[in-house]
Amino acid sequence: MTRVVVPVRYPLTEHSQATLAEAISIARERTAELTVLHVDLYQQGDDVTRAELKHAVETAFGSIGRARYVVRRGFLVEETILEEVAADDADIVIIGSKQVSRWRQMLRRVIDDPNIESYLKDKLECAVITVEHDSIE
C-alpha cells in the first residue's frame, strides 16, 4: 500500500491546512495510508499529544480513513521529518512551500545550491510534492 507523509504545525496554520488538504486528496486518490506528522522541538518545550493533533485535524477536515497521527520530538524539524519518512517507508512526502525554504537553508550548510525535491528523492527514494501557498495571505 502507498504511504503518504505530511508534516504539519500544531496548532494548524493556514499553510499547514492547505498542505494537509492536498495530502488528504492525494491519499484518497491513491487509496494510500496517510501519516500526519508534527515535530515537537525539545528547545521550545512543546508537548503536543497525538490526541490533540488528531482532534485538530478532524475538526478541520472530518474523520480521515487510513490516517495515523504521529508526534515526534527532535532538535531539528527537518532531520526529524527525514527520520519519520524513512521509518514510515513513505512513498510520497507532501511539504508546503514554506518548508522548502527551511530545508534549503539546512542543506546549504552541507551542499551547494540544493534542489530540495531531488535531494529528498535521492535520500529517501520517494516522491516529493510541494504545495504552493501563494494564494494564502
N, C-alpha and C. Protein backbone atom coordinates (compact mmCIF):
# COMPACT_ATOMS: atom_id res chain seq x y z
N MET A 1 0.84 -1.18 0.00
CA MET A 1 0.00 0.00 0.00
C MET A 1 0.88 1.25 0.00
N THR A 2 0.44 2.26 -0.70
CA THR A 2 1.15 3.53 -0.78
C THR A 2 1.06 4.25 0.57
N ARG A 3 2.18 4.87 0.97
CA ARG A 3 2.22 5.63 2.22
C ARG A 3 2.56 7.08 1.93
N VAL A 4 1.75 7.98 2.47
CA VAL A 4 1.94 9.41 2.29
C VAL A 4 2.22 10.03 3.66
N VAL A 5 3.26 10.85 3.74
CA VAL A 5 3.59 11.55 4.98
C VAL A 5 3.44 13.05 4.74
N VAL A 6 2.77 13.73 5.67
CA VAL A 6 2.62 15.18 5.58
C VAL A 6 2.98 15.80 6.93
N PRO A 7 4.08 16.54 6.98
CA PRO A 7 4.42 17.26 8.21
C PRO A 7 3.56 18.52 8.34
N VAL A 8 3.07 18.78 9.56
CA VAL A 8 2.25 19.96 9.81
C VAL A 8 2.67 20.61 11.12
N ARG A 9 2.28 21.88 11.26
CA ARG A 9 2.48 22.58 12.52
C ARG A 9 1.25 22.38 13.39
N TYR A 10 1.47 22.49 14.69
CA TYR A 10 0.35 22.49 15.64
C TYR A 10 0.53 23.67 16.56
N PRO A 11 -0.53 24.45 16.78
CA PRO A 11 -1.84 24.33 16.13
C PRO A 11 -1.72 24.54 14.62
N LEU A 12 -2.69 23.98 13.91
CA LEU A 12 -2.66 24.04 12.45
C LEU A 12 -2.71 25.48 11.96
N THR A 13 -1.74 25.84 11.13
CA THR A 13 -1.74 27.16 10.49
C THR A 13 -2.50 27.05 9.17
N GLU A 14 -2.76 28.18 8.54
CA GLU A 14 -3.40 28.15 7.22
C GLU A 14 -2.55 27.38 6.23
N HIS A 15 -1.24 27.56 6.31
CA HIS A 15 -0.33 26.85 5.40
C HIS A 15 -0.38 25.34 5.65
N SER A 16 -0.38 24.95 6.93
CA SER A 16 -0.47 23.53 7.26
C SER A 16 -1.79 22.95 6.78
N GLN A 17 -2.87 23.71 6.92
CA GLN A 17 -4.17 23.22 6.46
C GLN A 17 -4.19 23.03 4.94
N ALA A 18 -3.58 23.95 4.21
CA ALA A 18 -3.53 23.83 2.75
C ALA A 18 -2.70 22.62 2.34
N THR A 19 -1.56 22.43 3.01
CA THR A 19 -0.71 21.27 2.71
C THR A 19 -1.43 19.99 3.06
N LEU A 20 -2.09 19.98 4.21
CA LEU A 20 -2.84 18.80 4.65
C LEU A 20 -4.00 18.48 3.71
N ALA A 21 -4.69 19.50 3.23
CA ALA A 21 -5.80 19.27 2.28
C ALA A 21 -5.29 18.57 1.03
N GLU A 22 -4.14 19.00 0.53
CA GLU A 22 -3.56 18.36 -0.66
C GLU A 22 -3.16 16.92 -0.34
N ALA A 23 -2.57 16.70 0.82
CA ALA A 23 -2.16 15.35 1.22
C ALA A 23 -3.36 14.42 1.35
N ILE A 24 -4.44 14.91 1.93
CA ILE A 24 -5.65 14.10 2.07
C ILE A 24 -6.19 13.74 0.70
N SER A 25 -6.21 14.71 -0.20
CA SER A 25 -6.69 14.46 -1.56
C SER A 25 -5.85 13.40 -2.27
N ILE A 26 -4.54 13.53 -2.17
CA ILE A 26 -3.64 12.57 -2.82
C ILE A 26 -3.79 11.18 -2.19
N ALA A 27 -3.89 11.13 -0.87
CA ALA A 27 -4.04 9.84 -0.19
C ALA A 27 -5.34 9.15 -0.62
N ARG A 28 -6.40 9.93 -0.74
CA ARG A 28 -7.69 9.35 -1.17
C ARG A 28 -7.62 8.86 -2.61
N GLU A 29 -7.02 9.69 -3.49
CA GLU A 29 -6.90 9.30 -4.91
C GLU A 29 -6.14 8.00 -5.08
N ARG A 30 -5.14 7.78 -4.25
CA ARG A 30 -4.26 6.61 -4.39
C ARG A 30 -4.59 5.50 -3.40
N THR A 31 -5.68 5.66 -2.67
CA THR A 31 -6.06 4.71 -1.63
C THR A 31 -4.85 4.42 -0.74
N ALA A 32 -4.22 5.47 -0.27
CA ALA A 32 -2.98 5.37 0.49
C ALA A 32 -3.21 5.55 1.98
N GLU A 33 -2.23 5.09 2.76
CA GLU A 33 -2.21 5.39 4.19
C GLU A 33 -1.59 6.77 4.35
N LEU A 34 -2.16 7.57 5.23
CA LEU A 34 -1.69 8.93 5.45
C LEU A 34 -1.12 9.05 6.86
N THR A 35 0.10 9.56 6.96
CA THR A 35 0.70 9.86 8.26
C THR A 35 0.76 11.37 8.40
N VAL A 36 0.06 11.89 9.39
CA VAL A 36 0.09 13.31 9.71
C VAL A 36 1.14 13.46 10.82
N LEU A 37 2.19 14.21 10.52
CA LEU A 37 3.35 14.30 11.41
C LEU A 37 3.51 15.72 11.96
N HIS A 38 3.70 15.81 13.26
CA HIS A 38 4.06 17.08 13.89
C HIS A 38 5.34 16.84 14.68
N VAL A 39 6.27 17.81 14.60
CA VAL A 39 7.52 17.70 15.34
C VAL A 39 7.52 18.70 16.49
N ASP A 40 7.62 18.16 17.71
CA ASP A 40 7.80 18.98 18.91
C ASP A 40 9.29 19.23 19.05
N LEU A 41 9.67 20.48 19.18
CA LEU A 41 11.09 20.81 19.35
C LEU A 41 11.46 20.80 20.82
N TYR A 42 12.52 20.06 21.16
CA TYR A 42 12.98 19.99 22.55
C TYR A 42 13.20 21.38 23.13
N GLN A 43 13.87 22.24 22.34
CA GLN A 43 14.27 23.54 22.85
C GLN A 43 13.09 24.49 23.07
N GLN A 44 11.92 24.17 22.52
CA GLN A 44 10.76 25.03 22.73
C GLN A 44 9.84 24.51 23.83
N GLY A 45 10.15 23.34 24.32
CA GLY A 45 9.36 22.78 25.42
C GLY A 45 7.94 22.41 25.03
N ASP A 46 7.67 22.24 23.73
CA ASP A 46 6.33 21.84 23.29
C ASP A 46 6.02 20.43 23.78
N ASP A 47 4.76 20.16 23.98
CA ASP A 47 4.35 18.83 24.42
C ASP A 47 2.98 18.51 23.84
N VAL A 48 2.90 18.45 22.53
CA VAL A 48 1.65 18.16 21.83
C VAL A 48 1.41 16.66 21.88
N THR A 49 0.18 16.26 22.10
CA THR A 49 -0.14 14.83 22.11
C THR A 49 -0.74 14.41 20.77
N ARG A 50 -0.70 13.12 20.52
CA ARG A 50 -1.32 12.58 19.30
C ARG A 50 -2.81 12.89 19.30
N ALA A 51 -3.45 12.81 20.46
CA ALA A 51 -4.88 13.08 20.56
C ALA A 51 -5.19 14.53 20.18
N GLU A 52 -4.35 15.46 20.61
CA GLU A 52 -4.56 16.88 20.26
C GLU A 52 -4.39 17.09 18.76
N LEU A 53 -3.36 16.47 18.19
CA LEU A 53 -3.13 16.60 16.75
C LEU A 53 -4.30 16.02 15.97
N LYS A 54 -4.73 14.83 16.34
CA LYS A 54 -5.85 14.18 15.66
C LYS A 54 -7.12 15.02 15.78
N HIS A 55 -7.39 15.54 16.97
CA HIS A 55 -8.58 16.37 17.17
C HIS A 55 -8.55 17.61 16.28
N ALA A 56 -7.39 18.26 16.21
CA ALA A 56 -7.26 19.47 15.37
C ALA A 56 -7.51 19.15 13.90
N VAL A 57 -6.93 18.05 13.43
CA VAL A 57 -7.09 17.67 12.03
C VAL A 57 -8.54 17.29 11.74
N GLU A 58 -9.14 16.50 12.61
CA GLU A 58 -10.52 16.07 12.38
C GLU A 58 -11.51 17.23 12.54
N THR A 59 -11.18 18.21 13.36
CA THR A 59 -12.03 19.40 13.46
C THR A 59 -12.00 20.17 12.14
N ALA A 60 -10.84 20.24 11.53
CA ALA A 60 -10.70 20.98 10.27
C ALA A 60 -11.19 20.20 9.06
N PHE A 61 -11.02 18.85 9.06
CA PHE A 61 -11.28 18.07 7.85
C PHE A 61 -12.26 16.92 8.03
N GLY A 62 -12.71 16.66 9.23
CA GLY A 62 -13.55 15.50 9.48
C GLY A 62 -12.68 14.25 9.63
N SER A 63 -13.32 13.15 9.84
CA SER A 63 -12.60 11.88 10.02
C SER A 63 -11.90 11.49 8.71
N ILE A 64 -10.68 11.03 8.83
CA ILE A 64 -9.90 10.65 7.66
C ILE A 64 -9.58 9.16 7.76
N GLY A 65 -10.06 8.39 6.79
CA GLY A 65 -9.76 6.97 6.78
C GLY A 65 -8.29 6.71 6.50
N ARG A 66 -7.78 5.63 7.03
CA ARG A 66 -6.38 5.22 6.83
C ARG A 66 -5.38 6.30 7.25
N ALA A 67 -5.69 7.01 8.31
CA ALA A 67 -4.77 8.05 8.78
C ALA A 67 -4.20 7.66 10.13
N ARG A 68 -2.94 8.02 10.32
CA ARG A 68 -2.34 7.88 11.64
C ARG A 68 -1.69 9.20 11.99
N TYR A 69 -1.60 9.45 13.26
CA TYR A 69 -1.11 10.74 13.74
C TYR A 69 0.14 10.48 14.58
N VAL A 70 1.20 11.20 14.23
CA VAL A 70 2.49 10.97 14.88
C VAL A 70 3.03 12.30 15.38
N VAL A 71 3.46 12.31 16.64
CA VAL A 71 4.16 13.46 17.20
C VAL A 71 5.55 12.96 17.58
N ARG A 72 6.56 13.55 16.97
CA ARG A 72 7.95 13.18 17.28
C ARG A 72 8.64 14.37 17.91
N ARG A 73 9.60 14.07 18.76
CA ARG A 73 10.39 15.12 19.40
C ARG A 73 11.77 15.14 18.76
N GLY A 74 12.30 16.36 18.58
CA GLY A 74 13.62 16.49 17.99
C GLY A 74 14.17 17.88 18.17
N PHE A 75 15.44 18.04 17.81
CA PHE A 75 16.08 19.36 17.87
C PHE A 75 15.92 20.11 16.56
N LEU A 76 15.92 19.37 15.44
CA LEU A 76 15.78 19.97 14.11
C LEU A 76 14.55 19.38 13.43
N VAL A 77 13.65 20.24 13.02
CA VAL A 77 12.41 19.78 12.38
C VAL A 77 12.71 18.93 11.15
N GLU A 78 13.57 19.44 10.28
CA GLU A 78 13.83 18.75 9.01
C GLU A 78 14.44 17.37 9.23
N GLU A 79 15.39 17.28 10.15
CA GLU A 79 16.03 15.99 10.43
C GLU A 79 15.02 14.99 11.00
N THR A 80 14.17 15.46 11.88
CA THR A 80 13.16 14.60 12.48
C THR A 80 12.15 14.13 11.44
N ILE A 81 11.81 15.02 10.51
CA ILE A 81 10.91 14.63 9.41
C ILE A 81 11.57 13.54 8.56
N LEU A 82 12.84 13.72 8.21
CA LEU A 82 13.56 12.71 7.44
C LEU A 82 13.54 11.36 8.14
N GLU A 83 13.77 11.37 9.45
CA GLU A 83 13.76 10.13 10.22
C GLU A 83 12.40 9.44 10.16
N GLU A 84 11.33 10.21 10.30
CA GLU A 84 9.99 9.64 10.25
C GLU A 84 9.65 9.12 8.86
N VAL A 85 10.03 9.86 7.84
CA VAL A 85 9.76 9.43 6.47
C VAL A 85 10.47 8.11 6.19
N ALA A 86 11.72 7.99 6.64
CA ALA A 86 12.47 6.75 6.46
C ALA A 86 11.85 5.62 7.28
N ALA A 87 11.50 5.89 8.53
CA ALA A 87 10.92 4.86 9.39
C ALA A 87 9.56 4.39 8.88
N ASP A 88 8.81 5.31 8.29
CA ASP A 88 7.47 5.00 7.77
C ASP A 88 7.55 4.35 6.38
N ASP A 89 8.76 4.34 5.80
CA ASP A 89 8.96 3.83 4.44
C ASP A 89 7.97 4.49 3.48
N ALA A 90 7.91 5.82 3.56
CA ALA A 90 6.94 6.59 2.78
C ALA A 90 7.23 6.53 1.28
N ASP A 91 6.17 6.56 0.51
CA ASP A 91 6.27 6.62 -0.94
C ASP A 91 6.18 8.07 -1.43
N ILE A 92 5.44 8.90 -0.66
CA ILE A 92 5.22 10.29 -1.04
C ILE A 92 5.34 11.16 0.21
N VAL A 93 6.03 12.27 0.07
CA VAL A 93 6.09 13.27 1.13
C VAL A 93 5.49 14.55 0.56
N ILE A 94 4.56 15.14 1.30
CA ILE A 94 3.92 16.38 0.87
C ILE A 94 4.42 17.49 1.79
N ILE A 95 5.07 18.48 1.22
CA ILE A 95 5.56 19.59 2.04
C ILE A 95 5.06 20.91 1.46
N GLY A 96 4.88 21.86 2.35
CA GLY A 96 4.46 23.19 1.93
C GLY A 96 5.64 23.99 1.42
N SER A 97 5.35 24.99 0.62
CA SER A 97 6.42 25.80 0.03
C SER A 97 7.24 26.51 1.10
N LYS A 98 6.64 26.82 2.25
CA LYS A 98 7.41 27.44 3.33
C LYS A 98 8.44 26.47 3.89
N GLN A 99 8.10 25.19 3.93
CA GLN A 99 9.05 24.19 4.42
C GLN A 99 10.22 24.04 3.47
N VAL A 100 9.98 24.18 2.18
CA VAL A 100 11.05 24.03 1.20
C VAL A 100 12.18 25.01 1.48
N SER A 101 11.84 26.25 1.79
CA SER A 101 12.88 27.24 2.03
C SER A 101 13.69 26.89 3.28
N ARG A 102 13.04 26.35 4.31
CA ARG A 102 13.77 25.94 5.52
C ARG A 102 14.69 24.76 5.22
N TRP A 103 14.22 23.83 4.39
CA TRP A 103 15.05 22.68 4.00
C TRP A 103 16.27 23.18 3.23
N ARG A 104 16.06 24.13 2.33
CA ARG A 104 17.19 24.66 1.55
C ARG A 104 18.24 25.28 2.46
N GLN A 105 17.80 26.04 3.45
CA GLN A 105 18.75 26.65 4.39
C GLN A 105 19.56 25.58 5.11
N MET A 106 18.89 24.54 5.54
CA MET A 106 19.58 23.46 6.24
C MET A 106 20.60 22.79 5.32
N LEU A 107 20.20 22.51 4.09
CA LEU A 107 21.06 21.78 3.16
C LEU A 107 22.22 22.63 2.66
N ARG A 108 22.05 23.94 2.61
CA ARG A 108 23.15 24.82 2.16
C ARG A 108 24.36 24.69 3.07
N ARG A 109 24.11 24.31 4.32
CA ARG A 109 25.22 24.11 5.24
C ARG A 109 26.06 22.90 4.83
N VAL A 110 25.43 21.98 4.10
CA VAL A 110 26.09 20.73 3.74
C VAL A 110 26.53 20.69 2.27
N ILE A 111 25.66 21.17 1.37
CA ILE A 111 25.96 21.11 -0.06
C ILE A 111 25.64 22.46 -0.70
N ASP A 112 26.22 22.72 -1.87
CA ASP A 112 25.98 23.97 -2.59
C ASP A 112 24.70 23.89 -3.40
N ASP A 113 23.93 24.97 -3.39
CA ASP A 113 22.73 25.14 -4.21
C ASP A 113 21.84 23.89 -4.26
N PRO A 114 21.28 23.52 -3.13
CA PRO A 114 20.49 22.28 -3.11
C PRO A 114 19.15 22.40 -3.81
N ASN A 115 18.79 21.35 -4.49
CA ASN A 115 17.44 21.21 -5.03
C ASN A 115 16.74 20.25 -4.09
N ILE A 116 15.85 20.77 -3.27
CA ILE A 116 15.28 20.00 -2.18
C ILE A 116 14.53 18.77 -2.66
N GLU A 117 13.76 18.91 -3.75
CA GLU A 117 12.99 17.77 -4.23
C GLU A 117 13.91 16.63 -4.67
N SER A 118 14.95 16.93 -5.45
CA SER A 118 15.84 15.86 -5.91
C SER A 118 16.65 15.29 -4.76
N TYR A 119 17.05 16.14 -3.79
CA TYR A 119 17.78 15.65 -2.62
C TYR A 119 16.94 14.64 -1.86
N LEU A 120 15.69 14.99 -1.57
CA LEU A 120 14.83 14.08 -0.82
C LEU A 120 14.54 12.80 -1.60
N LYS A 121 14.33 12.94 -2.90
CA LYS A 121 14.09 11.74 -3.73
C LYS A 121 15.29 10.81 -3.69
N ASP A 122 16.49 11.38 -3.79
CA ASP A 122 17.71 10.57 -3.76
C ASP A 122 17.91 9.91 -2.40
N LYS A 123 17.73 10.66 -1.34
CA LYS A 123 17.98 10.16 0.01
C LYS A 123 16.89 9.21 0.49
N LEU A 124 15.67 9.46 0.12
CA LEU A 124 14.56 8.70 0.67
C LEU A 124 13.88 7.78 -0.32
N GLU A 125 14.23 7.90 -1.58
CA GLU A 125 13.62 7.09 -2.61
C GLU A 125 12.09 7.21 -2.60
N CYS A 126 11.61 8.43 -2.48
CA CYS A 126 10.17 8.66 -2.52
C CYS A 126 9.89 9.93 -3.30
N ALA A 127 8.64 10.07 -3.70
CA ALA A 127 8.23 11.27 -4.41
C ALA A 127 8.00 12.40 -3.43
N VAL A 128 8.35 13.60 -3.83
CA VAL A 128 8.12 14.78 -3.00
C VAL A 128 7.21 15.73 -3.76
N ILE A 129 6.12 16.10 -3.13
CA ILE A 129 5.18 17.03 -3.73
C ILE A 129 5.18 18.30 -2.89
N THR A 130 5.42 19.42 -3.55
CA THR A 130 5.43 20.71 -2.87
C THR A 130 4.12 21.43 -3.14
N VAL A 131 3.47 21.88 -2.08
CA VAL A 131 2.21 22.60 -2.18
C VAL A 131 2.51 24.10 -2.09
N GLU A 132 2.17 24.82 -3.14
CA GLU A 132 2.38 26.28 -3.17
C GLU A 132 1.30 26.95 -2.33
N HIS A 133 1.71 28.00 -1.61
CA HIS A 133 0.78 28.71 -0.75
C HIS A 133 0.65 30.17 -1.16
N ASP A 134 0.85 30.46 -2.41
CA ASP A 134 0.80 31.84 -2.88
C ASP A 134 -0.56 32.49 -2.63
N SER A 135 -1.61 31.70 -2.67
CA SER A 135 -2.96 32.27 -2.55
C SER A 135 -3.33 32.56 -1.09
N ILE A 136 -2.55 32.04 -0.14
CA ILE A 136 -2.85 32.27 1.27
C ILE A 136 -2.18 33.54 1.73
N GLU A 137 -2.92 34.37 2.40
CA GLU A 137 -2.35 35.62 2.88
C GLU A 137 -2.02 35.53 4.35
